[in-house]
Amino acid sequence: MPDMIKTDTATAEQALVTSVPVDGAKPEKARSLWGDAWADLRRNPYFIISSVLIFFLLLISVFPGLFTSADPTKGDLVHHFLTKPELGQIGSPEWFGYDGQGRSVYARLIYGTRASIIVSVSVTLLVTVIGGITGMIAGYFGGLTDAIISRITDMFFGIPFLLGAMVVLQSFTKRTVMTVVFALAFLGWTQITRVMRGSVITVKQADYVHAAKALGAGTSRILIRHILPNAMAPVIVVSTIALGGYVAAEATLSYLGLGLASPAISWGVDISGGAQQIRVAQHILLYPSIMLSITVLAFIMLGEAVRNALDPKMR
């Protein structure tokens, strides 16, 4: 019996010694979903490449003057009518040639980045806020509240996205960046609502939510402090992937003449103008199309990387 006591005591002391950090080392921090996701993202080449591309696009949209000194709206039909690209002059107005109005294609490419980034980011923020709030209310309260919000969501979800945006934009005589943002956000919140609702229904069954209710926490505190942080992961994934879709949607509407229109500068407007000159000047259509494809691809790659990092099943 004394030998057993000595053995148990020695084992406990050894466990205590191993649990205490040696040489002043800090104890290991508790792991979390967000910490593991960030560690995974830093090792993901798709995240690194897409982040660099998006940072570069943001830099262009905020400071276009750093990349070109040419005026994207000023044309010279006498000297630059459909002038071919001079690829050796990197960064110059002649780099990508000129369009049918004598305007620099490169300058319009640079300044057109701002419209695409503003529209995509603004729409994503709006639909995330609107869809997140409605989905959280529906998922947490349930019952009649959930039924009403779900049926309204189904009604909007049944409207084709681009077709509905076209109808909304037709009601505006003057279409600006903000009107395009409104038209896309008006129909784009439904998917976020469904994702948030399902996530909240799962999270509200957790023990820490029941414990907060038992301790007398109010509804707003439970929603903001306990449910929202733990239900946001799927919403962030969907919103990030949707960014690229909104860039393409803005360009599509502008190409069809229902989004931004001249004198506004947009890749969709330039692609539309380039399609009319495709037989004699392919560069007018080529470069905005390449820039649009790279931007959409960058946001999709970022969304895929975030999804793989936040979904434990993908690891």
C-alpha atoms as a PDB file:
ATOM      1  CA  MET A   1       0.000   0.000   0.000  1.00  0.00           C
ATOM      2  CA  PRO A   2       2.758   2.562   0.819  1.00  0.00           C
ATOM      3  CA  ASP A   3       4.491   1.639  -2.451  1.00  0.00           C
ATOM      4  CA  MET A   4       1.294   2.420  -4.381  1.00  0.00           C
ATOM      5  CA  ILE A   5       0.960   5.781  -2.627  1.00  0.00           C
ATOM      6  CA  LYS A   6       4.562   6.625  -3.460  1.00  0.00           C
ATOM      7  CA  THR A   7       4.037   5.640  -7.100  1.00  0.00           C
ATOM      8  CA  ASP A   8       0.875   7.793  -7.424  1.00  0.00           C
ATOM      9  CA  THR A   9       2.613  10.716  -5.746  1.00  0.00           C
ATOM     10  CA  ALA A  10       5.590  10.452  -8.075  1.00  0.00           C
ATOM     11  CA  THR A  11       3.325  10.288 -11.102  1.00  0.00           C
ATOM     12  CA  ALA A  12       1.409  13.371  -9.977  1.00  0.00           C
ATOM     13  CA  GLU A  13       4.634  15.281  -9.338  1.00  0.00           C
ATOM     14  CA  GLN A  14       5.968  14.294 -12.759  1.00  0.00           C
ATOM     15  CA  ALA A  15       2.755  15.481 -14.428  1.00  0.00           C
ATOM     16  CA  LEU A  16       2.971  18.748 -12.502  1.00  0.00           C
ATOM     17  CA  VAL A  17       6.563  19.265 -13.549  1.00  0.00           C
ATOM     18  CA  THR A  18       5.825  18.608 -17.218  1.00  0.00           C
ATOM     19  CA  SER A  19       2.857  20.988 -17.149  1.00  0.00           C
ATOM     20  CA  VAL A  20       4.993  23.856 -15.851  1.00  0.00           C
ATOM     21  CA  PRO A  21       6.927  25.632 -18.667  1.00  0.00           C
ATOM     22  CA  VAL A  22      10.684  25.296 -18.386  1.00  0.00           C
ATOM     23  CA  ASP A  23      13.294  27.974 -19.000  1.00  0.00           C
ATOM     24  CA  GLY A  24      10.661  30.679 -18.770  1.00  0.00           C
ATOM     25  CA  ALA A  25       8.779  29.435 -21.858  1.00  0.00           C
ATOM     26  CA  LYS A  26       5.217  30.701 -22.241  1.00  0.00           C
ATOM     27  CA  PRO A  27       2.407  28.138 -21.916  1.00  0.00           C
ATOM     28  CA  GLU A  28       0.783  27.122 -25.165  1.00  0.00           C
ATOM     29  CA  LYS A  29      -2.342  29.126 -25.955  1.00  0.00           C
ATOM     30  CA  ALA A  30      -5.673  27.411 -26.445  1.00  0.00           C
ATOM     31  CA  ARG A  31      -6.409  26.699 -30.082  1.00  0.00           C
ATOM     32  CA  SER A  32      -9.444  28.232 -31.784  1.00  0.00           C
ATOM     33  CA  LEU A  33     -11.155  27.988 -35.158  1.00  0.00           C
ATOM     34  CA  TRP A  34      -9.958  31.437 -36.219  1.00  0.00           C
ATOM     35  CA  GLY A  35      -6.400  30.798 -35.050  1.00  0.00           C
ATOM     36  CA  ASP A  36      -6.208  27.507 -36.902  1.00  0.00           C
ATOM     37  CA  ALA A  37      -7.760  29.112 -39.982  1.00  0.00           C
ATOM     38  CA  TRP A  38      -5.192  31.917 -40.024  1.00  0.00           C
ATOM     39  CA  ALA A  39      -2.340  29.449 -39.594  1.00  0.00           C
ATOM     40  CA  ASP A  40      -3.703  27.406 -42.498  1.00  0.00           C
ATOM     41  CA  LEU A  41      -4.192  30.476 -44.708  1.00  0.00           C
ATOM     42  CA  ARG A  42      -0.605  31.624 -44.235  1.00  0.00           C
ATOM     43  CA  ARG A  43       0.582  28.319 -45.693  1.00  0.00           C
ATOM     44  CA  ASN A  44      -1.887  28.277 -48.586  1.00  0.00           C
ATOM     45  CA  PRO A  45      -0.344  29.447 -51.893  1.00  0.00           C
ATOM     46  CA  TYR A  46      -3.777  30.275 -53.318  1.00  0.00           C
ATOM     47  CA  PHE A  47      -4.410  32.664 -50.430  1.00  0.00           C
ATOM     48  CA  ILE A  48      -1.026  34.324 -50.872  1.00  0.00           C
ATOM     49  CA  ILE A  49      -1.400  34.766 -54.643  1.00  0.00           C
ATOM     50  CA  SER A  50      -4.989  36.020 -54.440  1.00  0.00           C
ATOM     51  CA  SER A  51      -4.145  38.393 -51.573  1.00  0.00           C
ATOM     52  CA  VAL A  52      -1.281  39.923 -53.556  1.00  0.00           C
ATOM     53  CA  LEU A  53      -3.514  40.384 -56.608  1.00  0.00           C
ATOM     54  CA  ILE A  54      -6.351  41.908 -54.571  1.00  0.00           C
ATOM     55  CA  PHE A  55      -3.954  44.235 -52.744  1.00  0.00           C
ATOM     56  CA  PHE A  56      -2.608  45.364 -56.105  1.00  0.00           C
ATOM     57  CA  LEU A  57      -6.153  45.959 -57.404  1.00  0.00           C
ATOM     58  CA  LEU A  58      -7.060  47.939 -54.284  1.00  0.00           C
ATOM     59  CA  LEU A  59      -3.920  50.029 -54.688  1.00  0.00           C
ATOM     60  CA  ILE A  60      -4.847  50.775 -58.311  1.00  0.00           C
ATOM     61  CA  SER A  61      -8.417  51.733 -57.407  1.00  0.00           C
ATOM     62  CA  VAL A  62      -7.347  54.068 -54.582  1.00  0.00           C
ATOM     63  CA  PHE A  63      -4.300  55.628 -56.272  1.00  0.00           C
ATOM     64  CA  PRO A  64      -4.762  55.323 -60.063  1.00  0.00           C
ATOM     65  CA  GLY A  65      -2.496  58.312 -60.600  1.00  0.00           C
ATOM     66  CA  LEU A  66       0.483  56.251 -59.442  1.00  0.00           C
ATOM     67  CA  PHE A  67       0.152  53.985 -62.489  1.00  0.00           C
ATOM     68  CA  THR A  68      -0.695  56.415 -65.278  1.00  0.00           C
ATOM     69  CA  SER A  69      -0.663  60.148 -65.871  1.00  0.00           C
ATOM     70  CA  ALA A  70      -2.977  59.968 -68.892  1.00  0.00           C
ATOM     71  CA  ASP A  71      -6.546  61.263 -68.812  1.00  0.00           C
ATOM     72  CA  PRO A  72      -8.898  58.287 -69.460  1.00  0.00           C
ATOM     73  CA  THR A  73     -11.665  60.557 -70.770  1.00  0.00           C
ATOM     74  CA  LYS A  74      -9.574  62.683 -73.146  1.00  0.00           C
ATOM     75  CA  GLY A  75      -9.391  61.483 -76.749  1.00  0.00           C
ATOM     76  CA  ASP A  76      -7.321  62.500 -79.764  1.00  0.00           C
ATOM     77  CA  LEU A  77      -8.942  61.240 -82.951  1.00  0.00           C
ATOM     78  CA  VAL A  78      -6.327  62.918 -85.146  1.00  0.00           C
ATOM     79  CA  HIS A  79      -3.279  61.130 -83.754  1.00  0.00           C
ATOM     80  CA  HIS A  80      -4.621  58.112 -81.823  1.00  0.00           C
ATOM     81  CA  PHE A  81      -7.632  56.712 -83.658  1.00  0.00           C
ATOM     82  CA  LEU A  82      -7.506  52.914 -83.090  1.00  0.00           C
ATOM     83  CA  THR A  83      -3.722  53.060 -82.623  1.00  0.00           C
ATOM     84  CA  LYS A  84      -2.204  49.620 -82.088  1.00  0.00           C
ATOM     85  CA  PRO A  85      -0.535  48.720 -78.760  1.00  0.00           C
ATOM     86  CA  GLU A  86       3.164  49.461 -78.252  1.00  0.00           C
ATOM     87  CA  LEU A  87       3.993  46.717 -75.772  1.00  0.00           C
ATOM     88  CA  GLY A  88       7.599  47.838 -75.379  1.00  0.00           C
ATOM     89  CA  GLN A  89       6.544  51.077 -73.680  1.00  0.00           C
ATOM     90  CA  ILE A  90       5.471  49.599 -70.349  1.00  0.00           C
ATOM     91  CA  GLY A  91       3.294  51.927 -68.294  1.00  0.00           C
ATOM     92  CA  SER A  92       2.937  54.552 -71.020  1.00  0.00           C
ATOM     93  CA  PRO A  93      -0.462  55.610 -72.432  1.00  0.00           C
ATOM     94  CA  GLU A  94       0.470  53.836 -75.691  1.00  0.00           C
ATOM     95  CA  TRP A  95       1.146  50.527 -73.931  1.00  0.00           C
ATOM     96  CA  PHE A  96      -2.253  48.940 -74.731  1.00  0.00           C
ATOM     97  CA  GLY A  97      -3.103  51.177 -77.671  1.00  0.00           C
ATOM     98  CA  TYR A  98      -6.056  53.532 -78.150  1.00  0.00           C
ATOM     99  CA  ASP A  99      -9.773  53.031 -78.727  1.00  0.00           C
ATOM    100  CA  GLY A 100     -12.151  54.369 -81.360  1.00  0.00           C
ATOM    101  CA  GLN A 101     -12.354  57.750 -79.624  1.00  0.00           C
ATOM    102  CA  GLY A 102      -8.602  58.162 -79.311  1.00  0.00           C
ATOM    103  CA  ARG A 103      -8.516  57.383 -75.583  1.00  0.00           C
ATOM    104  CA  SER A 104      -5.749  55.382 -73.925  1.00  0.00           C
ATOM    105  CA  VAL A 105      -6.875  51.799 -73.284  1.00  0.00           C
ATOM    106  CA  TYR A 106      -4.305  51.440 -70.506  1.00  0.00           C
ATOM    107  CA  ALA A 107      -5.513  54.579 -68.711  1.00  0.00           C
ATOM    108  CA  ARG A 108      -9.136  53.432 -68.919  1.00  0.00           C
ATOM    109  CA  LEU A 109      -8.097  50.005 -67.669  1.00  0.00           C
ATOM    110  CA  ILE A 110      -6.489  51.567 -64.599  1.00  0.00           C
ATOM    111  CA  TYR A 111      -9.347  53.936 -63.791  1.00  0.00           C
ATOM    112  CA  GLY A 112     -11.971  51.281 -64.540  1.00  0.00           C
ATOM    113  CA  THR A 113     -10.643  49.226 -61.623  1.00  0.00           C
ATOM    114  CA  ARG A 114     -12.167  51.692 -59.165  1.00  0.00           C
ATOM    115  CA  ALA A 115     -15.737  51.117 -60.346  1.00  0.00           C
ATOM    116  CA  SER A 116     -15.454  47.329 -60.189  1.00  0.00           C
ATOM    117  CA  ILE A 117     -13.871  47.313 -56.724  1.00  0.00           C
ATOM    118  CA  ILE A 118     -16.320  49.860 -55.282  1.00  0.00           C
ATOM    119  CA  VAL A 119     -19.340  47.996 -56.642  1.00  0.00           C
ATOM    120  CA  SER A 120     -18.204  44.535 -55.549  1.00  0.00           C
ATOM    121  CA  VAL A 121     -17.065  45.538 -52.047  1.00  0.00           C
ATOM    122  CA  SER A 122     -20.104  47.765 -51.400  1.00  0.00           C
ATOM    123  CA  VAL A 123     -22.580  45.114 -52.545  1.00  0.00           C
ATOM    124  CA  THR A 124     -20.833  42.442 -50.472  1.00  0.00           C
ATOM    125  CA  LEU A 125     -20.938  44.592 -47.327  1.00  0.00           C
ATOM    126  CA  LEU A 126     -24.616  45.450 -47.841  1.00  0.00           C
ATOM    127  CA  VAL A 127     -25.801  41.904 -48.504  1.00  0.00           C
ATOM    128  CA  THR A 128     -23.722  40.576 -45.606  1.00  0.00           C
ATOM    129  CA  VAL A 129     -25.250  43.068 -43.177  1.00  0.00           C
ATOM    130  CA  ILE A 130     -28.821  42.682 -44.460  1.00  0.00           C
ATOM    131  CA  GLY A 131     -28.662  38.925 -44.911  1.00  0.00           C
ATOM    132  CA  GLY A 132     -26.775  38.422 -41.654  1.00  0.00           C
ATOM    133  CA  ILE A 133     -29.336  40.346 -39.575  1.00  0.00           C
ATOM    134  CA  THR A 134     -32.398  38.752 -41.182  1.00  0.00           C
ATOM    135  CA  GLY A 135     -30.897  35.259 -41.058  1.00  0.00           C
ATOM    136  CA  MET A 136     -29.858  35.659 -37.411  1.00  0.00           C
ATOM    137  CA  ILE A 137     -33.336  36.840 -36.395  1.00  0.00           C
ATOM    138  CA  ALA A 138     -35.039  34.029 -38.295  1.00  0.00           C
ATOM    139  CA  GLY A 139     -32.751  31.322 -36.972  1.00  0.00           C
ATOM    140  CA  TYR A 140     -32.767  32.446 -33.335  1.00  0.00           C
ATOM    141  CA  PHE A 141     -36.443  33.254 -32.768  1.00  0.00           C
ATOM    142  CA  GLY A 142     -37.937  30.614 -35.076  1.00  0.00           C
ATOM    143  CA  GLY A 143     -41.666  30.097 -35.192  1.00  0.00           C
ATOM    144  CA  LEU A 144     -43.759  32.725 -36.972  1.00  0.00           C
ATOM    145  CA  THR A 145     -40.793  35.106 -37.318  1.00  0.00           C
ATOM    146  CA  ASP A 146     -38.775  32.421 -39.089  1.00  0.00           C
ATOM    147  CA  ALA A 147     -41.710  31.523 -41.340  1.00  0.00           C
ATOM    148  CA  ILE A 148     -42.319  35.125 -42.452  1.00  0.00           C
ATOM    149  CA  ILE A 149     -38.635  35.870 -43.151  1.00  0.00           C
ATOM    150  CA  SER A 150     -38.138  32.529 -44.911  1.00  0.00           C
ATOM    151  CA  ARG A 151     -41.122  33.058 -47.217  1.00  0.00           C
ATOM    152  CA  ILE A 152     -39.989  36.595 -48.103  1.00  0.00           C
ATOM    153  CA  THR A 153     -36.513  35.209 -48.787  1.00  0.00           C
ATOM    154  CA  ASP A 154     -37.984  32.510 -51.034  1.00  0.00           C
ATOM    155  CA  MET A 155     -39.902  35.147 -53.008  1.00  0.00           C
ATOM    156  CA  PHE A 156     -36.759  37.175 -53.687  1.00  0.00           C
ATOM    157  CA  PHE A 157     -34.695  34.036 -54.272  1.00  0.00           C
ATOM    158  CA  GLY A 158     -37.070  32.987 -57.048  1.00  0.00           C
ATOM    159  CA  ILE A 159     -36.275  36.114 -59.090  1.00  0.00           C
ATOM    160  CA  PRO A 160     -33.361  35.561 -61.533  1.00  0.00           C
ATOM    161  CA  PHE A 161     -30.489  37.684 -60.240  1.00  0.00           C
ATOM    162  CA  LEU A 162     -29.336  39.471 -63.389  1.00  0.00           C
ATOM    163  CA  LEU A 163     -32.831  39.748 -64.854  1.00  0.00           C
ATOM    164  CA  GLY A 164     -34.124  41.303 -61.647  1.00  0.00           C
ATOM    165  CA  ALA A 165     -31.187  43.711 -61.524  1.00  0.00           C
ATOM    166  CA  MET A 166     -31.941  44.779 -65.107  1.00  0.00           C
ATOM    167  CA  VAL A 167     -35.554  45.517 -64.212  1.00  0.00           C
ATOM    168  CA  VAL A 168     -34.515  47.540 -61.160  1.00  0.00           C
ATOM    169  CA  LEU A 169     -31.938  49.542 -63.126  1.00  0.00           C
ATOM    170  CA  GLN A 170     -34.476  50.318 -65.846  1.00  0.00           C
ATOM    171  CA  SER A 171     -36.398  52.405 -63.322  1.00  0.00           C
ATOM    172  CA  PHE A 172     -33.462  54.829 -62.993  1.00  0.00           C
ATOM    173  CA  THR A 173     -32.975  57.494 -65.638  1.00  0.00           C
ATOM    174  CA  LYS A 174     -29.381  58.114 -64.544  1.00  0.00           C
ATOM    175  CA  ARG A 175     -27.355  55.070 -63.501  1.00  0.00           C
ATOM    176  CA  THR A 176     -24.359  55.659 -61.259  1.00  0.00           C
ATOM    177  CA  VAL A 177     -22.170  53.403 -59.141  1.00  0.00           C
ATOM    178  CA  MET A 178     -24.586  53.692 -56.212  1.00  0.00           C
ATOM    179  CA  THR A 179     -27.620  52.720 -58.311  1.00  0.00           C
ATOM    180  CA  VAL A 180     -25.793  49.614 -59.551  1.00  0.00           C
ATOM    181  CA  VAL A 181     -24.850  48.770 -55.950  1.00  0.00           C
ATOM    182  CA  PHE A 182     -28.488  49.155 -54.888  1.00  0.00           C
ATOM    183  CA  ALA A 183     -29.798  46.980 -57.726  1.00  0.00           C
ATOM    184  CA  LEU A 184     -27.351  44.147 -56.991  1.00  0.00           C
ATOM    185  CA  ALA A 185     -27.827  44.316 -53.218  1.00  0.00           C
ATOM    186  CA  PHE A 186     -31.621  44.410 -53.590  1.00  0.00           C
ATOM    187  CA  LEU A 187     -31.578  40.807 -54.810  1.00  0.00           C
ATOM    188  CA  GLY A 188     -28.265  39.501 -53.476  1.00  0.00           C
ATOM    189  CA  TRP A 189     -29.022  39.191 -49.741  1.00  0.00           C
ATOM    190  CA  THR A 190     -31.106  36.007 -49.957  1.00  0.00           C
ATOM    191  CA  GLN A 191     -28.234  33.508 -50.026  1.00  0.00           C
ATOM    192  CA  ILE A 192     -26.556  35.107 -47.003  1.00  0.00           C
ATOM    193  CA  THR A 193     -29.878  34.960 -45.123  1.00  0.00           C
ATOM    194  CA  ARG A 194     -30.232  31.239 -45.738  1.00  0.00           C
ATOM    195  CA  VAL A 195     -26.639  30.498 -44.746  1.00  0.00           C
ATOM    196  CA  MET A 196     -26.827  32.597 -41.573  1.00  0.00           C
ATOM    197  CA  ARG A 197     -30.185  31.096 -40.578  1.00  0.00           C
ATOM    198  CA  GLY A 198     -28.860  27.546 -40.802  1.00  0.00           C
ATOM    199  CA  SER A 199     -25.696  28.452 -38.919  1.00  0.00           C
ATOM    200  CA  VAL A 200     -27.613  30.192 -36.114  1.00  0.00           C
ATOM    201  CA  ILE A 201     -29.996  27.241 -35.720  1.00  0.00           C
ATOM    202  CA  THR A 202     -26.960  25.017 -35.133  1.00  0.00           C
ATOM    203  CA  VAL A 203     -25.118  27.415 -32.811  1.00  0.00           C
ATOM    204  CA  LYS A 204     -28.081  28.263 -30.572  1.00  0.00           C
ATOM    205  CA  GLN A 205     -28.217  24.626 -29.424  1.00  0.00           C
ATOM    206  CA  ALA A 206     -24.720  24.883 -27.912  1.00  0.00           C
ATOM    207  CA  ASP A 207     -24.224  24.586 -24.148  1.00  0.00           C
ATOM    208  CA  TYR A 208     -22.661  28.027 -23.781  1.00  0.00           C
ATOM    209  CA  VAL A 209     -25.821  29.634 -25.221  1.00  0.00           C
ATOM    210  CA  HIS A 210     -28.013  27.759 -22.726  1.00  0.00           C
ATOM    211  CA  ALA A 211     -25.624  28.747 -19.943  1.00  0.00           C
ATOM    212  CA  ALA A 212     -25.857  32.413 -20.943  1.00  0.00           C
ATOM    213  CA  LYS A 213     -29.658  32.203 -20.862  1.00  0.00           C
ATOM    214  CA  ALA A 214     -29.554  30.539 -17.437  1.00  0.00           C
ATOM    215  CA  LEU A 215     -27.351  33.357 -16.111  1.00  0.00           C
ATOM    216  CA  GLY A 216     -29.924  35.911 -17.248  1.00  0.00           C
ATOM    217  CA  ALA A 217     -28.175  37.349 -20.326  1.00  0.00           C
ATOM    218  CA  GLY A 218     -30.424  39.416 -22.560  1.00  0.00           C
ATOM    219  CA  THR A 219     -31.343  38.503 -26.124  1.00  0.00           C
ATOM    220  CA  SER A 220     -29.162  41.179 -27.695  1.00  0.00           C
ATOM    221  CA  ARG A 221     -26.145  40.132 -25.619  1.00  0.00           C
ATOM    222  CA  ILE A 222     -26.607  36.468 -26.536  1.00  0.00           C
ATOM    223  CA  LEU A 223     -26.929  37.297 -30.230  1.00  0.00           C
ATOM    224  CA  ILE A 224     -23.954  39.662 -30.388  1.00  0.00           C
ATOM    225  CA  ARG A 225     -21.535  38.091 -27.899  1.00  0.00           C
ATOM    226  CA  HIS A 226     -22.246  34.374 -28.238  1.00  0.00           C
ATOM    227  CA  ILE A 227     -24.100  33.490 -31.438  1.00  0.00           C
ATOM    228  CA  LEU A 228     -22.776  35.965 -34.016  1.00  0.00           C
ATOM    229  CA  PRO A 229     -19.027  35.246 -33.600  1.00  0.00           C
ATOM    230  CA  ASN A 230     -19.622  31.488 -33.807  1.00  0.00           C
ATOM    231  CA  ALA A 231     -22.064  31.629 -36.736  1.00  0.00           C
ATOM    232  CA  MET A 232     -20.098  33.961 -39.024  1.00  0.00           C
ATOM    233  CA  ALA A 233     -17.649  31.461 -40.534  1.00  0.00           C
ATOM    234  CA  PRO A 234     -19.944  30.120 -43.312  1.00  0.00           C
ATOM    235  CA  VAL A 235     -21.190  33.646 -44.047  1.00  0.00           C
ATOM    236  CA  ILE A 236     -17.641  34.927 -44.518  1.00  0.00           C
ATOM    237  CA  VAL A 237     -16.921  32.090 -46.942  1.00  0.00           C
ATOM    238  CA  VAL A 238     -20.034  32.736 -49.042  1.00  0.00           C
ATOM    239  CA  SER A 239     -19.480  36.510 -49.047  1.00  0.00           C
ATOM    240  CA  THR A 240     -15.846  36.183 -50.132  1.00  0.00           C
ATOM    241  CA  ILE A 241     -16.690  33.901 -53.032  1.00  0.00           C
ATOM    242  CA  ALA A 242     -19.606  36.172 -54.038  1.00  0.00           C
ATOM    243  CA  LEU A 243     -17.230  39.148 -54.430  1.00  0.00           C
ATOM    244  CA  GLY A 244     -16.003  37.836 -57.758  1.00  0.00           C
ATOM    245  CA  GLY A 245     -19.561  37.278 -58.926  1.00  0.00           C
ATOM    246  CA  TYR A 246     -20.485  40.888 -58.233  1.00  0.00           C
ATOM    247  CA  VAL A 247     -17.501  42.107 -60.260  1.00  0.00           C
ATOM    248  CA  ALA A 248     -18.711  40.014 -63.192  1.00  0.00           C
ATOM    249  CA  ALA A 249     -22.324  41.139 -62.652  1.00  0.00           C
ATOM    250  CA  GLU A 250     -21.367  44.825 -62.799  1.00  0.00           C
ATOM    251  CA  ALA A 251     -19.372  44.270 -65.998  1.00  0.00           C
ATOM    252  CA  THR A 252     -22.246  42.296 -67.540  1.00  0.00           C
ATOM    253  CA  LEU A 253     -24.816  44.990 -66.792  1.00  0.00           C
ATOM    254  CA  SER A 254     -22.501  47.709 -68.120  1.00  0.00           C
ATOM    255  CA  TYR A 255     -21.831  45.652 -71.252  1.00  0.00           C
ATOM    256  CA  LEU A 256     -25.576  45.387 -71.885  1.00  0.00           C
ATOM    257  CA  GLY A 257     -25.985  49.135 -71.410  1.00  0.00           C
ATOM    258  CA  LEU A 258     -28.011  48.747 -68.212  1.00  0.00           C
ATOM    259  CA  GLY A 259     -25.262  49.423 -65.690  1.00  0.00           C
ATOM    260  CA  LEU A 260     -22.693  52.180 -65.816  1.00  0.00           C
ATOM    261  CA  ALA A 261     -22.689  54.212 -69.013  1.00  0.00           C
ATOM    262  CA  SER A 262     -20.295  56.652 -70.636  1.00  0.00           C
ATOM    263  CA  PRO A 263     -18.787  58.991 -69.458  1.00  0.00           C
ATOM    264  CA  ALA A 264     -18.414  56.569 -66.530  1.00  0.00           C
ATOM    265  CA  ILE A 265     -15.302  54.393 -66.791  1.00  0.00           C
ATOM    266  CA  SER A 266     -15.907  50.678 -66.447  1.00  0.00           C
ATOM    267  CA  TRP A 267     -14.454  47.488 -67.872  1.00  0.00           C
ATOM    268  CA  GLY A 268     -17.924  46.455 -69.001  1.00  0.00           C
ATOM    269  CA  VAL A 269     -18.365  49.727 -70.922  1.00  0.00           C
ATOM    270  CA  ASP A 270     -14.977  49.274 -72.616  1.00  0.00           C
ATOM    271  CA  ILE A 271     -15.705  45.632 -73.460  1.00  0.00           C
ATOM    272  CA  SER A 272     -18.982  46.723 -75.034  1.00  0.00           C
ATOM    273  CA  GLY A 273     -17.175  49.348 -77.120  1.00  0.00           C
ATOM    274  CA  GLY A 274     -14.444  46.892 -78.040  1.00  0.00           C
ATOM    275  CA  ALA A 275     -16.971  44.359 -79.304  1.00  0.00           C
ATOM    276  CA  GLN A 276     -18.057  46.855 -81.944  1.00  0.00           C
ATOM    277  CA  GLN A 277     -14.460  47.248 -83.177  1.00  0.00           C
ATOM    278  CA  ILE A 278     -13.383  43.618 -82.847  1.00  0.00           C
ATOM    279  CA  ARG A 279     -12.667  43.173 -86.568  1.00  0.00           C
ATOM    280  CA  VAL A 280     -10.205  46.047 -86.825  1.00  0.00           C
ATOM    281  CA  ALA A 281      -8.928  46.590 -83.241  1.00  0.00           C
ATOM    282  CA  GLN A 282      -9.002  43.493 -81.067  1.00  0.00           C
ATOM    283  CA  HIS A 283      -6.915  45.105 -78.310  1.00  0.00           C
ATOM    284  CA  ILE A 284      -9.838  47.299 -77.181  1.00  0.00           C
ATOM    285  CA  LEU A 285     -11.758  44.151 -76.191  1.00  0.00           C
ATOM    286  CA  LEU A 286      -8.802  41.989 -75.152  1.00  0.00           C
ATOM    287  CA  TYR A 287      -7.208  43.929 -72.279  1.00  0.00           C
ATOM    288  CA  PRO A 288     -10.360  44.815 -70.281  1.00  0.00           C
ATOM    289  CA  SER A 289     -11.485  41.196 -70.644  1.00  0.00           C
ATOM    290  CA  ILE A 290      -8.160  39.931 -69.283  1.00  0.00           C
ATOM    291  CA  MET A 291      -8.289  42.363 -66.363  1.00  0.00           C
ATOM    292  CA  LEU A 292     -11.857  41.350 -65.561  1.00  0.00           C
ATOM    293  CA  SER A 293     -10.962  37.648 -65.645  1.00  0.00           C
ATOM    294  CA  ILE A 294      -7.942  38.141 -63.367  1.00  0.00           C
ATOM    295  CA  THR A 295     -10.034  40.096 -60.840  1.00  0.00           C
ATOM    296  CA  VAL A 296     -12.831  37.527 -60.724  1.00  0.00           C
ATOM    297  CA  LEU A 297     -10.305  34.695 -60.457  1.00  0.00           C
ATOM    298  CA  ALA A 298      -8.477  36.432 -57.583  1.00  0.00           C
ATOM    299  CA  PHE A 299     -11.659  36.777 -55.507  1.00  0.00           C
ATOM    300  CA  ILE A 300     -12.735  33.197 -56.236  1.00  0.00           C
ATOM    301  CA  MET A 301      -9.297  31.891 -55.224  1.00  0.00           C
ATOM    302  CA  LEU A 302      -9.497  33.906 -51.997  1.00  0.00           C
ATOM    303  CA  GLY A 303     -12.949  32.519 -51.256  1.00  0.00           C
ATOM    304  CA  GLU A 304     -11.822  28.951 -51.870  1.00  0.00           C
ATOM    305  CA  ALA A 305      -8.810  29.415 -49.578  1.00  0.00           C
ATOM    306  CA  VAL A 306     -11.000  30.868 -46.821  1.00  0.00           C
ATOM    307  CA  ARG A 307     -13.511  28.041 -47.204  1.00  0.00           C
ATOM    308  CA  ASN A 308     -10.825  25.382 -46.913  1.00  0.00           C
ATOM    309  CA  ALA A 309      -9.381  27.102 -43.832  1.00  0.00           C
ATOM    310  CA  LEU A 310     -12.689  27.544 -41.977  1.00  0.00           C
ATOM    311  CA  ASP A 311     -14.146  24.129 -42.832  1.00  0.00           C
ATOM    312  CA  PRO A 312     -12.467  21.429 -40.680  1.00  0.00           C
ATOM    313  CA  LYS A 313     -13.703  18.736 -43.088  1.00  0.00           C
ATOM    314  CA  MET A 314     -11.575  20.226 -45.884  1.00  0.00           C
ATOM    315  CA  ARG A 315      -8.305  19.853 -43.980  1.00  0.00           C
END
